[in-house]
Amino acid sequence: MLSSRRADSDMLYAYLYADLDETYPVLADDVRVLECIRETKREIMQELTRCA
């Protein structure tokens, strides 16, 4: 039974993510969001220090 569940989850993973370049698409999305947040934070800090 356990090996059947494993096979099903592997098939689902292949179906959902086979066409994507990333191995872990959720983590890749998280990294992109974090990079965007960091860039926005840098821009805000630059604006605040320029106005001060």
PDB file of N, CA and C in Angstrom:
ATOM      1  N   MET A   1       0.823  -1.192   0.000  1.00  0.00           N
ATOM      2  CA  MET A   1       0.000   0.000   0.000  1.00  0.00           C
ATOM      3  C   MET A   1       0.871   1.262   0.000  1.00  0.00           C
ATOM      4  N   LEU A   2       1.906   1.273   0.820  1.00  0.00           N
ATOM      5  CA  LEU A   2       2.778   2.444   0.919  1.00  0.00           C
ATOM      6  C   LEU A   2       3.495   2.710  -0.396  1.00  0.00           C
ATOM      7  N   SER A   3       3.977   1.653  -1.057  1.00  0.00           N
ATOM      8  CA  SER A   3       4.677   1.855  -2.326  1.00  0.00           C
ATOM      9  C   SER A   3       3.716   2.356  -3.407  1.00  0.00           C
ATOM     10  N   SER A   4       2.463   1.975  -3.320  1.00  0.00           N
ATOM     11  CA  SER A   4       1.461   2.468  -4.263  1.00  0.00           C
ATOM     12  C   SER A   4       1.241   3.964  -4.078  1.00  0.00           C
ATOM     13  N   ARG A   5       1.197   4.409  -2.840  1.00  0.00           N
ATOM     14  CA  ARG A   5       1.055   5.845  -2.564  1.00  0.00           C
ATOM     15  C   ARG A   5       2.258   6.614  -3.081  1.00  0.00           C
ATOM     16  N   ARG A   6       3.429   6.035  -2.902  1.00  0.00           N
ATOM     17  CA  ARG A   6       4.653   6.672  -3.377  1.00  0.00           C
ATOM     18  C   ARG A   6       4.618   6.805  -4.896  1.00  0.00           C
ATOM     19  N   ALA A   7       4.204   5.757  -5.575  1.00  0.00           N
ATOM     20  CA  ALA A   7       4.121   5.799  -7.033  1.00  0.00           C
ATOM     21  C   ALA A   7       3.110   6.844  -7.477  1.00  0.00           C
ATOM     22  N   ASP A   8       1.983   6.933  -6.783  1.00  0.00           N
ATOM     23  CA  ASP A   8       0.970   7.929  -7.115  1.00  0.00           C
ATOM     24  C   ASP A   8       1.503   9.344  -6.921  1.00  0.00           C
ATOM     25  N   SER A   9       2.223   9.569  -5.836  1.00  0.00           N
ATOM     26  CA  SER A   9       2.761  10.913  -5.593  1.00  0.00           C
ATOM     27  C   SER A   9       3.840  11.257  -6.615  1.00  0.00           C
ATOM     28  N   ASP A  10       4.648  10.291  -7.012  1.00  0.00           N
ATOM     29  CA  ASP A  10       5.659  10.528  -8.049  1.00  0.00           C
ATOM     30  C   ASP A  10       4.997  10.861  -9.380  1.00  0.00           C
ATOM     31  N   MET A  11       3.917  10.164  -9.702  1.00  0.00           N
ATOM     32  CA  MET A  11       3.198  10.433 -10.953  1.00  0.00           C
ATOM     33  C   MET A  11       2.561  11.815 -10.921  1.00  0.00           C
ATOM     34  N   LEU A  12       2.006  12.191  -9.781  1.00  0.00           N
ATOM     35  CA  LEU A  12       1.405  13.518  -9.646  1.00  0.00           C
ATOM     36  C   LEU A  12       2.473  14.598  -9.800  1.00  0.00           C
ATOM     37  N   TYR A  13       3.603  14.413  -9.142  1.00  0.00           N
ATOM     38  CA  TYR A  13       4.703  15.367  -9.248  1.00  0.00           C
ATOM     39  C   TYR A  13       5.133  15.518 -10.708  1.00  0.00           C
ATOM     40  N   ALA A  14       5.300  14.407 -11.402  1.00  0.00           N
ATOM     41  CA  ALA A  14       5.719  14.449 -12.803  1.00  0.00           C
ATOM     42  C   ALA A  14       4.673  15.159 -13.656  1.00  0.00           C
ATOM     43  N   TYR A  15       3.416  14.904 -13.385  1.00  0.00           N
ATOM     44  CA  TYR A  15       2.342  15.549 -14.143  1.00  0.00           C
ATOM     45  C   TYR A  15       2.333  17.056 -13.922  1.00  0.00           C
ATOM     46  N   LEU A  16       2.498  17.483 -12.682  1.00  0.00           N
ATOM     47  CA  LEU A  16       2.415  18.906 -12.351  1.00  0.00           C
ATOM     48  C   LEU A  16       3.647  19.690 -12.774  1.00  0.00           C
ATOM     49  N   TYR A  17       4.820  19.101 -12.644  1.00  0.00           N
ATOM     50  CA  TYR A  17       6.055  19.867 -12.778  1.00  0.00           C
ATOM     51  C   TYR A  17       6.966  19.441 -13.925  1.00  0.00           C
ATOM     52  N   ALA A  18       6.557  18.526 -14.748  1.00  0.00           N
ATOM     53  CA  ALA A  18       7.434  17.992 -15.799  1.00  0.00           C
ATOM     54  C   ALA A  18       7.900  19.069 -16.771  1.00  0.00           C
ATOM     55  N   ASP A  19       7.054  20.037 -17.075  1.00  0.00           N
ATOM     56  CA  ASP A  19       7.403  21.056 -18.067  1.00  0.00           C
ATOM     57  C   ASP A  19       8.178  22.235 -17.486  1.00  0.00           C
ATOM     58  N   LEU A  20       8.429  22.238 -16.202  1.00  0.00           N
ATOM     59  CA  LEU A  20       9.117  23.363 -15.568  1.00  0.00           C
ATOM     60  C   LEU A  20      10.612  23.108 -15.495  1.00  0.00           C
ATOM     61  N   ASP A  21      11.386  24.192 -15.527  1.00  0.00           N
ATOM     62  CA  ASP A  21      12.842  24.081 -15.434  1.00  0.00           C
ATOM     63  C   ASP A  21      13.300  23.780 -14.014  1.00  0.00           C
ATOM     64  N   GLU A  22      12.543  24.241 -13.025  1.00  0.00           N
ATOM     65  CA  GLU A  22      12.947  24.074 -11.639  1.00  0.00           C
ATOM     66  C   GLU A  22      12.584  22.691 -11.118  1.00  0.00           C
ATOM     67  N   THR A  23      13.452  22.163 -10.243  1.00  0.00           N
ATOM     68  CA  THR A  23      13.157  20.900  -9.576  1.00  0.00           C
ATOM     69  C   THR A  23      12.158  21.127  -8.455  1.00  0.00           C
ATOM     70  N   TYR A  24      12.274  22.257  -7.784  1.00  0.00           N
ATOM     71  CA  TYR A  24      11.384  22.595  -6.674  1.00  0.00           C
ATOM     72  C   TYR A  24      10.713  23.925  -6.985  1.00  0.00           C
ATOM     73  N   PRO A  25       9.647  23.915  -7.763  1.00  0.00           N
ATOM     74  CA  PRO A  25       9.042  25.171  -8.224  1.00  0.00           C
ATOM     75  C   PRO A  25       8.515  26.056  -7.102  1.00  0.00           C
ATOM     76  N   VAL A  26       8.026  25.467  -6.025  1.00  0.00           N
ATOM     77  CA  VAL A  26       7.518  26.282  -4.921  1.00  0.00           C
ATOM     78  C   VAL A  26       8.665  27.041  -4.271  1.00  0.00           C
ATOM     79  N   LEU A  27       9.777  26.375  -4.062  1.00  0.00           N
ATOM     80  CA  LEU A  27      10.942  27.057  -3.487  1.00  0.00           C
ATOM     81  C   LEU A  27      11.475  28.126  -4.432  1.00  0.00           C
ATOM     82  N   ALA A  28      11.474  27.845  -5.710  1.00  0.00           N
ATOM     83  CA  ALA A  28      11.931  28.838  -6.689  1.00  0.00           C
ATOM     84  C   ALA A  28      11.042  30.078  -6.642  1.00  0.00           C
ATOM     85  N   ASP A  29       9.736  29.877  -6.531  1.00  0.00           N
ATOM     86  CA  ASP A  29       8.816  31.013  -6.411  1.00  0.00           C
ATOM     87  C   ASP A  29       9.088  31.792  -5.133  1.00  0.00           C
ATOM     88  N   ASP A  30       9.325  31.081  -4.036  1.00  0.00           N
ATOM     89  CA  ASP A  30       9.622  31.753  -2.769  1.00  0.00           C
ATOM     90  C   ASP A  30      10.882  32.601  -2.874  1.00  0.00           C
ATOM     91  N   VAL A  31      11.901  32.080  -3.525  1.00  0.00           N
ATOM     92  CA  VAL A  31      13.150  32.826  -3.697  1.00  0.00           C
ATOM     93  C   VAL A  31      12.907  34.087  -4.512  1.00  0.00           C
ATOM     94  N   ARG A  32      12.108  33.981  -5.570  1.00  0.00           N
ATOM     95  CA  ARG A  32      11.792  35.163  -6.382  1.00  0.00           C
ATOM     96  C   ARG A  32      11.041  36.209  -5.568  1.00  0.00           C
ATOM     97  N   VAL A  33      10.112  35.773  -4.741  1.00  0.00           N
ATOM     98  CA  VAL A  33       9.366  36.714  -3.898  1.00  0.00           C
ATOM     99  C   VAL A  33      10.308  37.383  -2.903  1.00  0.00           C
ATOM    100  N   LEU A  34      11.181  36.609  -2.277  1.00  0.00           N
ATOM    101  CA  LEU A  34      12.136  37.189  -1.329  1.00  0.00           C
ATOM    102  C   LEU A  34      13.062  38.188  -2.005  1.00  0.00           C
ATOM    103  N   GLU A  35      13.508  37.881  -3.211  1.00  0.00           N
ATOM    104  CA  GLU A  35      14.363  38.818  -3.945  1.00  0.00           C
ATOM    105  C   GLU A  35      13.612  40.115  -4.239  1.00  0.00           C
ATOM    106  N   CYS A  36      12.359  40.001  -4.587  1.00  0.00           N
ATOM    107  CA  CYS A  36      11.535  41.184  -4.857  1.00  0.00           C
ATOM    108  C   CYS A  36      11.363  42.014  -3.583  1.00  0.00           C
ATOM    109  N   ILE A  37      11.114  41.359  -2.471  1.00  0.00           N
ATOM    110  CA  ILE A  37      10.960  42.058  -1.192  1.00  0.00           C
ATOM    111  C   ILE A  37      12.254  42.772  -0.822  1.00  0.00           C
ATOM    112  N   ARG A  38      13.376  42.089  -0.983  1.00  0.00           N
ATOM    113  CA  ARG A  38      14.669  42.710  -0.650  1.00  0.00           C
ATOM    114  C   ARG A  38      14.952  43.919  -1.528  1.00  0.00           C
ATOM    115  N   GLU A  39      14.659  43.806  -2.814  1.00  0.00           N
ATOM    116  CA  GLU A  39      14.884  44.929  -3.728  1.00  0.00           C
ATOM    117  C   GLU A  39      13.988  46.109  -3.355  1.00  0.00           C
ATOM    118  N   THR A  40      12.745  45.840  -3.039  1.00  0.00           N
ATOM    119  CA  THR A  40      11.827  46.908  -2.632  1.00  0.00           C
ATOM    120  C   THR A  40      12.302  47.558  -1.337  1.00  0.00           C
ATOM    121  N   LYS A  41      12.773  46.746  -0.429  1.00  0.00           N
ATOM    122  CA  LYS A  41      13.296  47.259   0.843  1.00  0.00           C
ATOM    123  C   LYS A  41      14.506  48.171   0.591  1.00  0.00           C
ATOM    124  N   ARG A  42      15.410  47.761  -0.313  1.00  0.00           N
ATOM    125  CA  ARG A  42      16.571  48.584  -0.658  1.00  0.00           C
ATOM    126  C   ARG A  42      16.133  49.921  -1.251  1.00  0.00           C
ATOM    127  N   GLU A  43      15.159  49.867  -2.140  1.00  0.00           N
ATOM    128  CA  GLU A  43      14.674  51.089  -2.768  1.00  0.00           C
ATOM    129  C   GLU A  43      14.038  52.033  -1.745  1.00  0.00           C
ATOM    130  N   ILE A  44      13.285  51.488  -0.816  1.00  0.00           N
ATOM    131  CA  ILE A  44      12.674  52.309   0.237  1.00  0.00           C
ATOM    132  C   ILE A  44      13.753  52.955   1.096  1.00  0.00           C
ATOM    133  N   MET A  45      14.754  52.180   1.475  1.00  0.00           N
ATOM    134  CA  MET A  45      15.842  52.724   2.299  1.00  0.00           C
ATOM    135  C   MET A  45      16.593  53.828   1.559  1.00  0.00           C
ATOM    136  N   GLN A  46      16.808  53.656   0.267  1.00  0.00           N
ATOM    137  CA  GLN A  46      17.492  54.685  -0.514  1.00  0.00           C
ATOM    138  C   GLN A  46      16.657  55.969  -0.548  1.00  0.00           C
ATOM    139  N   GLU A  47      15.367  55.854  -0.731  1.00  0.00           N
ATOM    140  CA  GLU A  47      14.496  57.022  -0.753  1.00  0.00           C
ATOM    141  C   GLU A  47      14.466  57.720   0.607  1.00  0.00           C
ATOM    142  N   LEU A  48      14.400  56.927   1.670  1.00  0.00           N
ATOM    143  CA  LEU A  48      14.367  57.521   3.009  1.00  0.00           C
ATOM    144  C   LEU A  48      15.659  58.251   3.334  1.00  0.00           C
ATOM    145  N   THR A  49      16.789  57.675   2.948  1.00  0.00           N
ATOM    146  CA  THR A  49      18.063  58.318   3.266  1.00  0.00           C
ATOM    147  C   THR A  49      18.309  59.524   2.351  1.00  0.00           C
ATOM    148  N   ARG A  50      17.758  59.513   1.170  1.00  0.00           N
ATOM    149  CA  ARG A  50      17.902  60.643   0.275  1.00  0.00           C
ATOM    150  C   ARG A  50      17.096  61.835   0.786  1.00  0.00           C
ATOM    151  N   CYS A  51      15.939  61.590   1.365  1.00  0.00           N
ATOM    152  CA  CYS A  51      15.077  62.671   1.860  1.00  0.00           C
ATOM    153  C   CYS A  51      15.551  63.219   3.199  1.00  0.00           C
ATOM    154  N   ALA A  52      16.363  62.482   3.919  1.00  0.00           N
ATOM    155  CA  ALA A  52      16.752  62.908   5.266  1.00  0.00           C
ATOM    156  C   ALA A  52      17.795  63.973   5.271  1.00  0.00           C
TER     157      ALA A  52
END
